[in-house]
Amino acid sequence: MRKNRNGFTIIELLMSIAIISIAMSSIYGLYMTYVRIYTSEGVATQVQQNVRSSMNIMVRDIRMAGLDPRGKGIFGIKVAAAQSIRFTADRDMDGDLDDPDISGGFNESNLEQIAYTYNGTNLLEMILYNPDDTIETSDTVMNNVSNLNFTYLDANDVVTADLDEIRTVVIQMTVQKPAGRGDPVSRMLTKRIQCRNLNF
């Protein structure tokens, strides 16, 4: 009987294993690049949506600052700082600054004395105040905030610190969120709010 001498030598086997290893590592590298890009884009989309929704909440409320249909003179911007704003508005139009009793849920009278503030630890907070300036409740509006800045402008678009001269509020908010193993995703949004109820 003749012996079959056809087969693979050890060198051929080692070369085959080396080629397969190189191919697999290239495929794995491409796959990981794709995963990083996919994760980063997903986080970027989420951050962008969160920034816009949080900004829209602030814009809606700040635009109401100073609403005073009965002319009581007690409504307007109360604190205008670089990283916080506090204001009042007669949202239920009864002429009084109401107690924000939220036991029955939120309604217009709950939102008559509001503050938005950046606490320096990645949180944008909304605070509701009682008429006696005590805090009724606070809630987180946005996480992962890396910067929040309010700028106050007068009727001539000049920066002002005088509460009675404020006509426009400019908000600039930056949010930064980790994106897996990739670099963090950062998004900045700026909004200019014309306060329609302030001394017009």
Protein backbone atom coordinates (compact mmCIF):
# COMPACT_ATOMS: atom_id res chain seq x y z
CA MET A 1 0.00 0.00 0.00
CA ARG A 2 1.22 3.44 -0.88
CA LYS A 3 1.17 6.07 1.82
CA ASN A 4 -0.52 9.39 1.01
CA ARG A 5 2.11 12.03 1.56
CA ASN A 6 -0.17 14.94 0.55
CA GLY A 7 -0.90 17.34 3.46
CA PHE A 8 0.14 20.56 5.13
CA THR A 9 3.48 21.26 6.62
CA ILE A 10 3.77 23.03 9.93
CA ILE A 11 5.07 26.16 8.15
CA GLU A 12 2.00 26.25 5.89
CA LEU A 13 -0.29 25.89 8.91
CA LEU A 14 1.48 28.70 10.77
CA MET A 15 1.29 30.98 7.74
CA SER A 16 -2.43 30.24 7.35
CA ILE A 17 -3.05 31.05 11.00
CA ALA A 18 -1.07 34.31 10.66
CA ILE A 19 -3.05 35.40 7.59
CA ILE A 20 -6.38 34.56 9.27
CA SER A 21 -5.29 36.46 12.43
CA ILE A 22 -4.38 39.56 10.40
CA ALA A 23 -7.70 39.43 8.54
CA MET A 24 -9.69 38.96 11.77
CA SER A 25 -7.90 41.82 13.53
CA SER A 26 -8.63 44.11 10.55
CA ILE A 27 -12.31 43.13 10.59
CA TYR A 28 -12.46 43.64 14.37
CA GLY A 29 -10.83 47.08 14.02
CA LEU A 30 -13.39 48.11 11.40
CA TYR A 31 -16.22 46.79 13.55
CA MET A 32 -15.03 48.71 16.63
CA THR A 33 -14.67 51.89 14.56
CA TYR A 34 -18.25 51.45 13.36
CA VAL A 35 -19.50 50.84 16.92
CA ARG A 36 -17.73 54.01 18.16
CA ILE A 37 -19.19 56.10 15.34
CA TYR A 38 -22.67 54.65 15.88
CA THR A 39 -22.51 55.26 19.64
CA SER A 40 -21.16 58.78 19.20
CA GLU A 41 -23.85 59.72 16.68
CA GLY A 42 -26.59 58.25 18.85
CA VAL A 43 -25.39 60.19 21.89
CA ALA A 44 -25.04 63.36 19.79
CA THR A 45 -28.64 63.05 18.61
CA GLN A 46 -29.88 62.45 22.15
CA VAL A 47 -27.89 65.39 23.54
CA GLN A 48 -29.17 67.70 20.78
CA GLN A 49 -32.79 66.72 21.46
CA ASN A 50 -32.37 67.14 25.23
CA VAL A 51 -30.73 70.56 24.85
CA ARG A 52 -33.53 71.76 22.57
CA SER A 53 -36.34 70.49 24.79
CA SER A 54 -34.78 71.98 27.94
CA MET A 55 -34.15 75.26 26.16
CA ASN A 56 -37.75 75.36 24.91
CA ILE A 57 -39.05 74.96 28.48
CA MET A 58 -36.94 77.89 29.67
CA VAL A 59 -37.83 80.05 26.66
CA ARG A 60 -41.56 79.48 27.18
CA ASP A 61 -41.39 80.45 30.85
CA ILE A 62 -38.96 83.39 30.54
CA ARG A 63 -41.05 84.85 27.73
CA MET A 64 -43.91 85.15 30.27
CA ALA A 65 -41.78 87.06 32.80
CA GLY A 66 -43.50 90.23 33.96
CA LEU A 67 -47.00 89.26 32.80
CA ASP A 68 -49.15 91.67 34.83
CA PRO A 69 -52.60 92.08 33.22
CA ARG A 70 -54.04 93.84 36.27
CA GLY A 71 -51.17 96.33 36.59
CA LYS A 72 -50.20 95.38 40.15
CA GLY A 73 -46.50 96.12 39.55
CA ILE A 74 -45.32 93.05 41.47
CA PHE A 75 -44.34 90.88 38.50
CA GLY A 76 -41.06 90.88 36.56
CA ILE A 77 -37.47 89.69 36.77
CA LYS A 78 -36.32 89.46 40.38
CA VAL A 79 -32.79 88.03 39.99
CA ALA A 80 -30.63 88.39 36.89
CA ALA A 81 -27.32 86.61 37.46
CA ALA A 82 -24.88 85.03 35.01
CA GLN A 83 -25.93 81.47 35.84
CA SER A 84 -29.42 81.92 37.22
CA ILE A 85 -32.59 83.86 36.56
CA ARG A 86 -35.62 84.31 38.80
CA PHE A 87 -38.84 85.92 37.65
CA THR A 88 -42.55 86.23 38.33
CA ALA A 89 -45.58 86.25 36.03
CA ASP A 90 -49.31 86.40 36.74
CA ARG A 91 -49.99 83.20 34.78
CA ASP A 92 -53.55 82.72 36.08
CA MET A 93 -54.26 86.48 35.72
CA ASP A 94 -55.78 86.91 39.18
CA GLY A 95 -53.46 89.76 40.22
CA ASP A 96 -51.86 87.77 43.05
CA LEU A 97 -48.58 85.92 43.41
CA ASP A 98 -49.95 82.47 44.20
CA ASP A 99 -48.60 79.69 46.38
CA PRO A 100 -47.42 76.89 44.07
CA ASP A 101 -49.29 74.03 45.73
CA ILE A 102 -48.31 71.15 43.47
CA SER A 103 -50.19 68.44 45.39
CA GLY A 104 -52.85 68.39 42.68
CA GLY A 105 -50.35 68.56 39.82
CA PHE A 106 -48.88 71.47 37.90
CA ASN A 107 -51.10 74.26 36.60
CA GLU A 108 -50.60 77.90 35.63
CA SER A 109 -50.60 79.18 39.21
CA ASN A 110 -47.72 76.82 40.06
CA LEU A 111 -45.51 78.68 37.61
CA GLU A 112 -45.88 82.25 38.89
CA GLN A 113 -42.47 82.49 40.60
CA ILE A 114 -39.76 80.44 38.90
CA ALA A 115 -35.99 80.30 38.92
CA TYR A 116 -33.70 78.50 36.52
CA THR A 117 -30.24 77.92 37.87
CA TYR A 118 -27.05 76.07 37.04
CA ASN A 119 -25.72 74.59 40.24
CA GLY A 120 -22.20 73.98 38.95
CA THR A 121 -22.48 70.19 39.23
CA ASN A 122 -23.83 69.35 35.77
CA LEU A 123 -27.47 70.10 36.62
CA LEU A 124 -29.88 72.72 35.32
CA GLU A 125 -32.62 73.11 37.92
CA MET A 126 -36.06 74.72 37.95
CA ILE A 127 -37.12 76.06 41.36
CA LEU A 128 -40.64 77.11 42.29
CA TYR A 129 -40.96 79.70 45.06
CA ASN A 130 -43.72 80.54 47.49
CA PRO A 131 -44.89 84.17 47.79
CA ASP A 132 -42.77 84.51 50.97
CA ASP A 133 -39.62 83.62 48.92
CA THR A 134 -39.26 80.15 50.43
CA ILE A 135 -38.65 77.26 48.06
CA GLU A 136 -41.68 75.09 47.37
CA THR A 137 -39.94 72.52 45.15
CA SER A 138 -37.05 72.07 42.77
CA ASP A 139 -36.60 69.71 39.87
CA THR A 140 -33.81 68.82 37.47
CA VAL A 141 -34.48 70.06 33.94
CA MET A 142 -31.24 68.84 32.34
CA ASN A 143 -28.24 66.68 33.30
CA ASN A 144 -24.69 66.87 31.96
CA VAL A 145 -24.75 70.66 31.64
CA SER A 146 -21.16 71.91 31.40
CA ASN A 147 -22.02 75.61 31.11
CA LEU A 148 -25.06 77.87 31.34
CA ASN A 149 -24.90 81.60 30.83
CA PHE A 150 -27.61 84.27 30.88
CA THR A 151 -27.01 87.67 29.29
CA TYR A 152 -29.47 90.52 29.81
CA LEU A 153 -30.04 93.26 27.24
CA ASP A 154 -31.93 96.55 27.38
CA ALA A 155 -34.18 98.02 24.67
CA ASN A 156 -31.10 99.06 22.67
CA ASP A 157 -29.53 95.56 22.86
CA VAL A 158 -26.90 96.77 25.32
CA VAL A 159 -25.91 94.49 28.20
CA THR A 160 -27.50 95.67 31.43
CA ALA A 161 -27.63 94.64 35.09
CA ASP A 162 -30.59 96.92 35.90
CA LEU A 163 -33.66 94.71 36.40
CA ASP A 164 -36.02 97.46 35.25
CA GLU A 165 -34.18 97.88 31.93
CA ILE A 166 -34.12 94.20 30.87
CA ARG A 167 -36.05 93.55 27.65
CA THR A 168 -34.20 90.55 26.21
CA VAL A 169 -32.57 87.49 27.76
CA VAL A 170 -29.94 85.51 25.86
CA ILE A 171 -29.35 81.94 27.06
CA GLN A 172 -26.28 79.97 26.11
CA MET A 173 -26.19 76.35 27.29
CA THR A 174 -23.54 73.70 26.68
CA VAL A 175 -24.14 70.03 27.39
CA GLN A 176 -21.39 67.42 27.38
CA LYS A 177 -22.10 63.70 27.64
CA PRO A 178 -19.82 60.64 27.51
CA ALA A 179 -20.12 58.56 24.33
CA GLY A 180 -18.86 55.11 25.25
CA ARG A 181 -15.14 54.73 24.61
CA GLY A 182 -15.06 57.66 22.20
CA ASP A 183 -14.60 61.32 23.02
CA PRO A 184 -17.47 63.01 24.90
CA VAL A 185 -20.15 64.65 22.77
CA SER A 186 -20.62 68.38 23.36
CA ARG A 187 -23.44 70.56 22.02
CA MET A 188 -24.06 74.27 22.57
CA LEU A 189 -27.30 76.10 21.90
CA THR A 190 -27.98 79.83 22.14
CA LYS A 191 -31.46 81.36 22.29
CA ARG A 192 -32.52 85.00 22.34
CA ILE A 193 -35.78 85.65 24.18
CA GLN A 194 -37.76 88.84 23.74
CA CYS A 195 -39.59 89.39 27.04
CA ARG A 196 -42.89 90.76 25.78
CA ASN A 197 -44.28 91.70 29.19
CA LEU A 198 -41.41 93.77 30.59
CA ASN A 199 -42.28 97.47 30.75
CA PHE A 200 -43.58 97.95 27.22
